[in-house]
């Protein structure tokens, strides 16, 4: 190595040595504080430093030791943390981005996914459902009512069914115009029930099987001096299968769908059926009525009192 190169490298080496001296003094802060506070001051401290480095096998020139002591006093190689500020905060966040970056990106991604799902999917879906419901209420349900009325008008054989259907349609369409969906749907259900009732065909027969009642009598609670007579009947469709029908129980005012019920008849009709069954155990004339297509009510073959019960 040339002399010129050595001379150019010397200042850097000296700086490094001075920094090491300062570092040694910092690690031996008690020594530095004690020696600098005495009268001997710098000379004694340099002597002690020389001994410390000598024990480590390092020879440090006195001017380097002096430079280190002076640097310690001037805090030349000390690091002073910057005052808190917005810029310092940003710098710290940038330096620590590997620690917080992935969690923050995950949170941001989740928030974006929720926002896209809510604003991009859920809200449009809800708006579409609301619009569909509005169209259904304003157009769909009234159209169903019109179609049901037309069917009833064409299929019925009694004027009363047309009158009832017209009243149901008018009331239902009024509810639809007012935005009352539940009431409008109830009107559609009532029209559907009336249509289905017109289309039913069945025969009303007295139950005539062993170990089953064909009739009974009771004392009405409101008049215990009177006696009500009932025939137990069932409805059989055109294939001979029993069907269940909604029957209004005159004793409690509730409608129940049942496969058998009691039809109230005059005593004379009741006694005639009893005599018919006692003759040979079989009721010969067990058909008491028939429900035909296009009619609402049963056409009875015997006099009836117009009441019925579902439990006895």
Protein backbone atom coordinates (compact mmCIF):
# COMPACT_ATOMS: atom_id res chain seq x y z
CA UNK A 1 0.00 0.00 0.00
CA UNK A 2 1.39 3.44 -0.94
CA UNK A 3 1.88 6.27 1.55
CA UNK A 4 -0.84 8.28 -0.19
CA UNK A 5 -3.34 5.50 0.27
CA UNK A 6 -2.41 5.06 3.93
CA UNK A 7 -2.78 8.76 4.58
CA UNK A 8 -6.21 8.88 2.93
CA UNK A 9 -7.39 5.88 4.97
CA UNK A 10 -6.04 7.17 8.27
CA UNK A 11 -8.83 9.68 9.01
CA UNK A 12 -11.50 6.99 8.65
CA UNK A 13 -9.61 4.64 10.94
CA UNK A 14 -9.18 7.38 13.47
CA UNK A 15 -12.89 8.19 13.36
CA UNK A 16 -13.72 4.54 13.91
CA UNK A 17 -11.31 4.36 16.83
CA UNK A 18 -12.79 7.52 18.31
CA UNK A 19 -16.27 6.04 18.00
CA UNK A 20 -15.06 2.89 19.76
CA UNK A 21 -13.60 5.02 22.54
CA UNK A 22 -16.91 6.76 22.95
CA UNK A 23 -18.68 3.41 22.99
CA UNK A 24 -16.29 2.16 25.67
CA UNK A 25 -16.94 5.25 27.74
CA UNK A 26 -20.69 4.78 27.40
CA UNK A 27 -20.41 1.19 28.62
CA UNK A 28 -18.30 2.44 31.51
CA UNK A 29 -20.47 5.47 32.21
CA UNK A 30 -19.52 5.44 35.92
CA UNK A 31 -15.84 5.70 35.07
CA UNK A 32 -16.36 8.58 32.67
CA UNK A 33 -18.55 10.50 35.05
CA UNK A 34 -16.24 9.97 38.03
CA UNK A 35 -13.02 10.86 36.23
CA UNK A 36 -14.36 13.89 34.43
CA UNK A 37 -15.65 15.30 37.68
CA UNK A 38 -12.24 15.18 39.40
CA UNK A 39 -9.42 17.69 39.13
CA UNK A 40 -7.27 15.24 37.16
CA UNK A 41 -10.02 15.21 34.56
CA UNK A 42 -9.00 14.32 31.07
CA UNK A 43 -5.45 13.08 31.75
CA UNK A 44 -6.50 10.47 34.28
CA UNK A 45 -9.40 9.31 32.10
CA UNK A 46 -7.08 8.94 29.11
CA UNK A 47 -4.67 6.96 31.22
CA UNK A 48 -7.36 4.58 32.35
CA UNK A 49 -8.63 4.20 28.77
CA UNK A 50 -5.10 3.43 27.61
CA UNK A 51 -4.88 0.66 30.19
CA UNK A 52 -8.29 -0.78 29.12
CA UNK A 53 -7.24 -0.98 25.48
CA UNK A 54 -3.78 -2.24 26.39
CA UNK A 55 -5.36 -5.16 28.28
CA UNK A 56 -7.23 -5.99 25.08
CA UNK A 57 -4.01 -5.89 23.07
CA UNK A 58 -4.93 -2.69 21.28
CA UNK A 59 -2.65 0.31 21.18
CA UNK A 60 -4.61 3.50 20.73
CA UNK A 61 -2.77 6.78 20.23
CA UNK A 62 -3.37 9.48 22.85
CA UNK A 63 -4.82 11.90 20.32
CA UNK A 64 -7.49 9.32 19.47
CA UNK A 65 -8.29 8.85 23.13
CA UNK A 66 -8.53 12.61 23.54
CA UNK A 67 -10.76 12.79 20.47
CA UNK A 68 -13.06 10.11 21.96
CA UNK A 69 -13.31 11.91 25.30
CA UNK A 70 -14.07 15.18 23.55
CA UNK A 71 -16.70 13.46 21.39
CA UNK A 72 -18.37 12.03 24.49
CA UNK A 73 -18.51 15.45 26.09
CA UNK A 74 -19.93 16.96 22.90
CA UNK A 75 -22.31 13.98 22.34
CA UNK A 76 -20.88 13.87 18.86
CA UNK A 77 -21.67 10.23 18.17
CA UNK A 78 -24.86 10.13 20.21
CA UNK A 79 -28.21 9.49 18.56
CA UNK A 80 -31.02 11.82 19.53
CA UNK A 81 -34.45 10.51 18.68
CA UNK A 82 -36.49 13.01 16.63
CA UNK A 83 -39.36 14.82 18.23
CA UNK A 84 -42.80 13.19 17.64
CA UNK A 85 -44.51 14.51 14.50
CA UNK A 86 -46.77 13.40 11.68
CA UNK A 87 -43.79 12.83 9.42
CA UNK A 88 -41.99 10.73 12.05
CA UNK A 89 -45.15 8.63 12.52
CA UNK A 90 -45.39 8.02 8.78
CA UNK A 91 -41.73 7.05 8.65
CA UNK A 92 -42.15 4.55 11.49
CA UNK A 93 -45.21 3.08 9.80
CA UNK A 94 -43.28 2.70 6.55
CA UNK A 95 -40.34 1.03 8.29
CA UNK A 96 -42.67 -1.41 10.08
CA UNK A 97 -44.82 -2.17 7.02
CA UNK A 98 -43.83 -5.84 6.97
CA UNK A 99 -45.44 -6.30 10.36
CA UNK A 100 -48.70 -4.49 9.81
CA UNK A 101 -48.96 -4.65 6.02
CA UNK A 102 -50.55 -8.10 5.59
CA UNK A 103 -53.14 -7.75 8.39
CA UNK A 104 -54.13 -4.30 7.14
CA UNK A 105 -54.39 -5.55 3.56
CA UNK A 106 -56.52 -8.46 4.77
CA UNK A 107 -58.83 -6.09 6.67
CA UNK A 108 -59.06 -3.71 3.72
CA UNK A 109 -59.82 -6.65 1.43
CA UNK A 110 -62.54 -7.90 3.76
CA UNK A 111 -64.11 -4.44 3.99
CA UNK A 112 -64.03 -4.08 0.21
CA UNK A 113 -65.60 -7.50 -0.20
CA UNK A 114 -68.39 -6.60 2.24
CA UNK A 115 -69.00 -3.25 0.53
CA UNK A 116 -69.06 -4.83 -2.92
CA UNK A 117 -71.39 -7.56 -1.67
CA UNK A 118 -73.71 -5.09 0.04
CA UNK A 119 -73.79 -2.28 -2.51
CA UNK A 120 -73.13 -4.37 -5.59
CA UNK A 121 -75.22 -7.47 -4.86
CA UNK A 122 -77.49 -7.20 -1.81
CA UNK A 123 -78.93 -3.74 -2.43
CA UNK A 124 -79.66 -4.41 -6.13
CA UNK A 125 -81.23 -7.75 -5.16
CA UNK A 126 -83.40 -6.08 -2.51
CA UNK A 127 -84.40 -3.35 -4.93
CA UNK A 128 -85.29 -5.98 -7.53
CA UNK A 129 -87.35 -7.93 -5.00
CA UNK A 130 -89.18 -4.77 -3.92
CA UNK A 131 -89.93 -3.86 -7.53
CA UNK A 132 -91.12 -7.38 -8.27
CA UNK A 133 -93.40 -7.26 -5.22
CA UNK A 134 -94.76 -3.88 -6.31
CA UNK A 135 -95.53 -5.14 -9.81
CA UNK A 136 -97.10 -8.30 -8.39
CA UNK A 137 -99.35 -6.24 -6.10
CA UNK A 138 -100.25 -3.66 -8.73
CA UNK A 139 -100.68 -6.00 -11.69
CA UNK A 140 -100.21 -9.69 -10.87
CA UNK A 141 -102.76 -10.13 -8.08
CA UNK A 142 -105.53 -8.07 -9.81
CA UNK A 143 -104.96 -10.15 -12.95
CA UNK A 144 -105.34 -13.37 -10.94
CA UNK A 145 -108.60 -12.05 -9.48
CA UNK A 146 -109.93 -11.24 -12.96
CA UNK A 147 -109.00 -14.70 -14.24
CA UNK A 148 -110.63 -16.44 -11.27
CA UNK A 149 -113.79 -14.37 -11.63
CA UNK A 150 -114.03 -15.24 -15.31
CA UNK A 151 -113.62 -18.95 -14.55
CA UNK A 152 -116.31 -18.84 -11.86
CA UNK A 153 -118.65 -16.89 -14.16
CA UNK A 154 -118.26 -19.48 -16.92
CA UNK A 155 -118.47 -22.62 -14.77
CA UNK A 156 -121.13 -21.81 -12.19
CA UNK A 157 -124.75 -22.89 -12.54
CA UNK A 158 -126.01 -20.62 -9.76
CA UNK A 159 -126.16 -16.81 -9.81
CA UNK A 160 -125.12 -16.50 -6.19
CA UNK A 161 -121.61 -17.73 -7.03
CA UNK A 162 -121.23 -14.90 -9.57
CA UNK A 163 -122.42 -12.35 -7.01
CA UNK A 164 -120.01 -13.66 -4.39
CA UNK A 165 -117.11 -13.75 -6.87
CA UNK A 166 -117.79 -10.18 -7.99
CA UNK A 167 -117.77 -8.96 -4.39
CA UNK A 168 -114.51 -10.79 -3.66
CA UNK A 169 -112.83 -9.42 -6.77
CA UNK A 170 -113.88 -5.83 -6.09
CA UNK A 171 -112.74 -5.99 -2.49
CA UNK A 172 -109.44 -7.65 -3.38
CA UNK A 173 -108.57 -5.17 -6.12
CA UNK A 174 -109.32 -2.31 -3.74
CA UNK A 175 -106.89 -3.77 -1.23
CA UNK A 176 -104.26 -4.17 -3.96
CA UNK A 177 -104.64 -0.53 -4.99
CA UNK A 178 -104.21 0.50 -1.35
CA UNK A 179 -101.02 -1.56 -1.04
CA UNK A 180 -102.49 -4.12 1.39
CA UNK A 181 -100.82 -7.25 0.05
CA UNK A 182 -102.06 -9.63 2.77
CA UNK A 183 -105.71 -8.66 2.22
CA UNK A 184 -105.32 -8.86 -1.57
CA UNK A 185 -103.80 -12.35 -1.31
CA UNK A 186 -106.64 -13.38 1.01
CA UNK A 187 -109.14 -12.31 -1.68
CA UNK A 188 -107.29 -14.44 -4.25
CA UNK A 189 -107.43 -17.39 -1.82
CA UNK A 190 -111.19 -16.92 -1.29
CA UNK A 191 -111.83 -16.79 -5.04
CA UNK A 192 -109.73 -19.93 -5.50
CA UNK A 193 -111.73 -21.71 -2.79
CA UNK A 194 -115.01 -20.71 -4.46
CA UNK A 195 -113.78 -21.96 -7.85
CA UNK A 196 -112.65 -25.27 -6.36
CA UNK A 197 -115.93 -25.62 -4.51
CA UNK A 198 -117.86 -25.25 -7.77
CA UNK A 199 -115.74 -27.96 -9.37
CA UNK A 200 -116.29 -30.51 -6.62
CA UNK A 201 -118.48 -33.53 -7.23
CA UNK A 202 -119.38 -35.90 -4.42
CA UNK A 203 -122.19 -37.91 -2.87
CA UNK A 204 -123.21 -37.44 0.77
CA UNK A 205 -123.91 -40.78 2.41
CA UNK A 206 -124.79 -41.95 5.89
CA UNK A 207 -121.94 -43.91 7.46
CA UNK A 208 -122.98 -47.55 7.33
CA UNK A 209 -120.19 -49.68 8.77
CA UNK A 210 -120.04 -52.06 11.73
CA UNK A 211 -118.99 -50.55 15.04
CA UNK A 212 -119.51 -47.00 13.72
CA UNK A 213 -122.38 -44.69 14.62
CA UNK A 214 -124.81 -43.82 11.85
CA UNK A 215 -126.58 -41.21 13.97
CA UNK A 216 -126.98 -39.72 17.46
CA UNK A 217 -129.01 -37.18 19.34
CA UNK A 218 -128.05 -34.48 21.86
CA UNK A 219 -129.59 -31.85 24.10
CA UNK A 220 -128.51 -28.36 22.99
CA UNK A 221 -126.87 -26.34 25.79
CA UNK A 222 -129.03 -23.28 25.11
CA UNK A 223 -132.27 -25.28 25.34
CA UNK A 224 -132.10 -28.49 27.33
CA UNK A 225 -135.80 -29.13 26.73
CA UNK A 226 -135.16 -29.67 23.01
CA UNK A 227 -133.45 -32.57 21.28
CA UNK A 228 -131.23 -32.34 18.19
CA UNK A 229 -130.95 -35.33 15.88
CA UNK A 230 -127.93 -35.93 13.65
CA UNK A 231 -126.99 -38.38 10.92
CA UNK A 232 -123.26 -39.17 10.63
CA UNK A 233 -122.28 -38.65 7.00
CA UNK A 234 -119.22 -38.74 4.76
CA UNK A 235 -118.52 -37.37 1.26
CA UNK A 236 -117.48 -39.79 -1.50
CA UNK A 237 -116.03 -38.49 -4.77
CA UNK A 238 -116.78 -39.88 -8.22
CA UNK A 239 -114.26 -42.70 -7.62
CA UNK A 240 -115.90 -43.66 -4.35
CA UNK A 241 -113.08 -42.31 -2.19
CA UNK A 242 -113.85 -40.37 0.98
CA UNK A 243 -112.80 -36.72 0.95
CA UNK A 244 -112.41 -34.18 3.75
CA UNK A 245 -114.41 -30.97 3.71
CA UNK A 246 -114.47 -27.77 5.80
CA UNK A 247 -117.52 -28.00 8.09
CA UNK A 248 -118.88 -25.30 10.39
CA UNK A 249 -119.60 -26.71 13.84
CA UNK A 250 -122.84 -25.06 15.01
CA UNK A 251 -122.03 -25.74 18.66
CA UNK A 252 -118.80 -23.72 18.85
CA UNK A 253 -118.83 -21.65 15.64
CA UNK A 254 -115.50 -23.08 14.43
CA UNK A 255 -114.81 -24.54 10.99
CA UNK A 256 -112.90 -27.80 10.85
CA UNK A 257 -111.83 -29.91 7.88
CA UNK A 258 -113.11 -33.43 8.61
CA UNK A 259 -113.88 -36.67 6.78
CA UNK A 260 -117.05 -37.36 8.83
CA UNK A 261 -119.55 -35.03 10.47
CA UNK A 262 -123.07 -34.93 11.81
CA UNK A 263 -125.86 -33.34 9.75
CA UNK A 264 -128.82 -32.16 11.84
CA UNK A 265 -132.14 -33.57 10.56
CA UNK A 266 -135.74 -33.67 11.77
CA UNK A 267 -136.66 -36.43 14.18
CA UNK A 268 -138.73 -38.17 11.53
CA UNK A 269 -135.76 -38.51 9.17
CA UNK A 270 -133.57 -39.73 12.03
CA UNK A 271 -136.11 -42.36 13.09
CA UNK A 272 -136.50 -43.56 9.49
CA UNK A 273 -132.77 -44.18 9.19
CA UNK A 274 -132.75 -45.96 12.57
CA UNK A 275 -135.58 -48.24 11.43
CA UNK A 276 -133.85 -48.90 8.11
CA UNK A 277 -130.66 -50.00 9.89
CA UNK A 278 -132.47 -52.09 12.52
CA UNK A 279 -134.29 -54.00 9.78
CA UNK A 280 -131.26 -55.95 8.57
CA UNK A 281 -128.24 -54.01 9.84
CA UNK A 282 -127.86 -52.19 6.55
CA UNK A 283 -129.13 -48.73 5.61
CA UNK A 284 -130.64 -49.22 2.19
CA UNK A 285 -131.27 -45.56 1.48
CA UNK A 286 -127.98 -44.18 2.74
CA UNK A 287 -127.55 -41.40 0.16
CA UNK A 288 -128.96 -38.17 1.57
CA UNK A 289 -127.52 -35.63 -0.86
CA UNK A 290 -125.33 -34.92 -3.87
CA UNK A 291 -122.95 -32.09 -4.75
CA UNK A 292 -122.84 -31.56 -8.52
CA UNK A 293 -120.34 -29.69 -10.69
CA UNK A 294 -121.09 -25.97 -11.01
CA UNK A 295 -123.11 -25.80 -7.78
CA UNK A 296 -121.99 -24.43 -4.43
CA UNK A 297 -124.16 -26.41 -2.03
CA UNK A 298 -125.29 -29.98 -1.60
CA UNK A 299 -128.73 -30.84 -2.97
CA UNK A 300 -130.31 -32.97 -0.21
CA UNK A 301 -132.69 -35.87 -0.81
CA UNK A 302 -134.15 -35.59 2.69
CA UNK A 303 -135.19 -32.65 4.84
CA UNK A 304 -132.30 -31.17 6.87
CA UNK A 305 -132.22 -28.49 9.55
CA UNK A 306 -129.14 -26.69 8.16
CA UNK A 307 -126.80 -27.34 11.08
CA UNK A 308 -123.82 -29.63 11.54
CA UNK A 309 -121.34 -30.75 14.21
CA UNK A 310 -117.81 -32.06 13.86
CA UNK A 311 -117.49 -33.67 17.30
CA UNK A 312 -119.86 -35.87 19.33
